[in-house]
Amino acid sequence: MNQGTTTTEGELHSIIDEKLTAFMREMQEAGWGAEDVAFAIDVVLRERWIDRALAHRAAREELPKDFVSDGNEG
């Protein structure tokens, strides 16, 4: 979560939907089919973002609740 803003989850979803809608239109104007673009987005999200986010979440959950970083975990 972006700690520097007060955006709610619903607002975030709305912003992402708006951006993806504009991107989909742009790709369709360039000759790509909506289905092709949607599946490509899915693949990129899974390969580059979702797997990484899940790994980070799992790593955070494994840390002891009283863990204090000294900045040298590296």
C-alpha atoms as a PDB file:
ATOM      1  CA  MET A   1       0.000   0.000   0.000  1.00  0.00           C
ATOM      2  CA  ASN A   2       1.231   3.452  -0.834  1.00  0.00           C
ATOM      3  CA  GLN A   3       1.663   5.012   2.575  1.00  0.00           C
ATOM      4  CA  GLY A   4       2.023   8.524   1.177  1.00  0.00           C
ATOM      5  CA  THR A   5      -1.579   8.780  -0.022  1.00  0.00           C
ATOM      6  CA  THR A   6      -5.062   8.258   1.329  1.00  0.00           C
ATOM      7  CA  THR A   7      -6.318   6.323  -1.721  1.00  0.00           C
ATOM      8  CA  THR A   8      -8.745   3.578  -0.759  1.00  0.00           C
ATOM      9  CA  GLU A   9      -8.706   0.135  -2.368  1.00  0.00           C
ATOM     10  CA  GLY A  10     -11.834   1.030  -4.345  1.00  0.00           C
ATOM     11  CA  GLU A  11     -10.203   4.195  -5.626  1.00  0.00           C
ATOM     12  CA  LEU A  12      -7.082   2.270  -6.568  1.00  0.00           C
ATOM     13  CA  HIS A  13      -9.138  -0.282  -8.513  1.00  0.00           C
ATOM     14  CA  SER A  14     -10.957   2.550 -10.274  1.00  0.00           C
ATOM     15  CA  ILE A  15      -7.683   4.238 -11.258  1.00  0.00           C
ATOM     16  CA  ILE A  16      -6.228   0.964 -12.560  1.00  0.00           C
ATOM     17  CA  ASP A  17      -9.417   0.219 -14.494  1.00  0.00           C
ATOM     18  CA  GLU A  18      -9.325   3.670 -16.088  1.00  0.00           C
ATOM     19  CA  LYS A  19      -5.668   3.263 -17.117  1.00  0.00           C
ATOM     20  CA  LEU A  20      -6.210  -0.266 -18.458  1.00  0.00           C
ATOM     21  CA  THR A  21      -9.271   0.852 -20.421  1.00  0.00           C
ATOM     22  CA  ALA A  22      -7.249   3.608 -22.085  1.00  0.00           C
ATOM     23  CA  PHE A  23      -4.412   1.146 -22.780  1.00  0.00           C
ATOM     24  CA  MET A  24      -6.822  -1.403 -24.268  1.00  0.00           C
ATOM     25  CA  ARG A  25      -8.287   1.251 -26.576  1.00  0.00           C
ATOM     26  CA  GLU A  26      -4.808   2.337 -27.654  1.00  0.00           C
ATOM     27  CA  MET A  27      -3.772  -1.244 -28.417  1.00  0.00           C
ATOM     28  CA  GLN A  28      -6.997  -1.919 -30.345  1.00  0.00           C
ATOM     29  CA  GLU A  29      -6.415   1.233 -32.405  1.00  0.00           C
ATOM     30  CA  ALA A  30      -2.958  -0.176 -33.187  1.00  0.00           C
ATOM     31  CA  GLY A  31      -4.599  -3.338 -34.531  1.00  0.00           C
ATOM     32  CA  TRP A  32      -4.365  -5.717 -31.574  1.00  0.00           C
ATOM     33  CA  GLY A  33      -7.437  -7.683 -30.541  1.00  0.00           C
ATOM     34  CA  ALA A  34      -8.858  -7.102 -27.063  1.00  0.00           C
ATOM     35  CA  GLU A  35      -8.523 -10.784 -26.187  1.00  0.00           C
ATOM     36  CA  ASP A  36      -4.860 -10.878 -27.260  1.00  0.00           C
ATOM     37  CA  VAL A  37      -4.082  -7.777 -25.208  1.00  0.00           C
ATOM     38  CA  ALA A  38      -5.952  -9.072 -22.145  1.00  0.00           C
ATOM     39  CA  PHE A  39      -4.077 -12.395 -22.194  1.00  0.00           C
ATOM     40  CA  ALA A  40      -0.744 -10.611 -22.720  1.00  0.00           C
ATOM     41  CA  ILE A  41      -1.452  -8.358 -19.719  1.00  0.00           C
ATOM     42  CA  ASP A  42      -2.267 -11.447 -17.660  1.00  0.00           C
ATOM     43  CA  VAL A  43       1.008 -13.138 -18.615  1.00  0.00           C
ATOM     44  CA  VAL A  44       3.101 -10.056 -17.879  1.00  0.00           C
ATOM     45  CA  LEU A  45       1.387  -9.498 -14.530  1.00  0.00           C
ATOM     46  CA  ARG A  46       1.946 -13.101 -13.488  1.00  0.00           C
ATOM     47  CA  GLU A  47       5.552 -13.318 -14.678  1.00  0.00           C
ATOM     48  CA  ARG A  48       6.810  -9.925 -13.554  1.00  0.00           C
ATOM     49  CA  TRP A  49       4.575  -8.666 -10.775  1.00  0.00           C
ATOM     50  CA  ILE A  50       2.268 -11.146  -9.057  1.00  0.00           C
ATOM     51  CA  ASP A  51       4.860 -13.849  -8.381  1.00  0.00           C
ATOM     52  CA  ARG A  52       7.245 -11.227  -6.994  1.00  0.00           C
ATOM     53  CA  ALA A  53       4.536  -9.646  -4.837  1.00  0.00           C
ATOM     54  CA  LEU A  54       3.524 -13.052  -3.442  1.00  0.00           C
ATOM     55  CA  ALA A  55       7.162 -13.867  -2.651  1.00  0.00           C
ATOM     56  CA  HIS A  56       7.564 -10.540  -0.837  1.00  0.00           C
ATOM     57  CA  ARG A  57       4.359 -11.130   1.111  1.00  0.00           C
ATOM     58  CA  ALA A  58       5.529 -14.611   2.140  1.00  0.00           C
ATOM     59  CA  ALA A  59       8.917 -13.239   3.221  1.00  0.00           C
ATOM     60  CA  ARG A  60       7.256 -10.531   5.336  1.00  0.00           C
ATOM     61  CA  GLU A  61       5.001 -13.118   6.985  1.00  0.00           C
ATOM     62  CA  GLU A  62       8.026 -15.236   7.936  1.00  0.00           C
ATOM     63  CA  LEU A  63       9.704 -12.403   9.844  1.00  0.00           C
ATOM     64  CA  PRO A  64       9.214 -12.453  13.598  1.00  0.00           C
ATOM     65  CA  LYS A  65       6.709  -9.812  14.728  1.00  0.00           C
ATOM     66  CA  ASP A  66       9.361  -8.192  16.937  1.00  0.00           C
ATOM     67  CA  PHE A  67      12.020  -8.015  14.178  1.00  0.00           C
ATOM     68  CA  VAL A  68      13.919  -4.734  14.076  1.00  0.00           C
ATOM     69  CA  SER A  69      16.149  -4.055  11.080  1.00  0.00           C
ATOM     70  CA  ASP A  70      19.675  -2.803  11.619  1.00  0.00           C
ATOM     71  CA  GLY A  71      19.954  -2.088   7.901  1.00  0.00           C
ATOM     72  CA  ASN A  72      22.537  -4.820   7.277  1.00  0.00           C
ATOM     73  CA  GLU A  73      20.328  -7.720   6.187  1.00  0.00           C
ATOM     74  CA  GLY A  74      21.454  -7.244   2.641  1.00  0.00           C
END
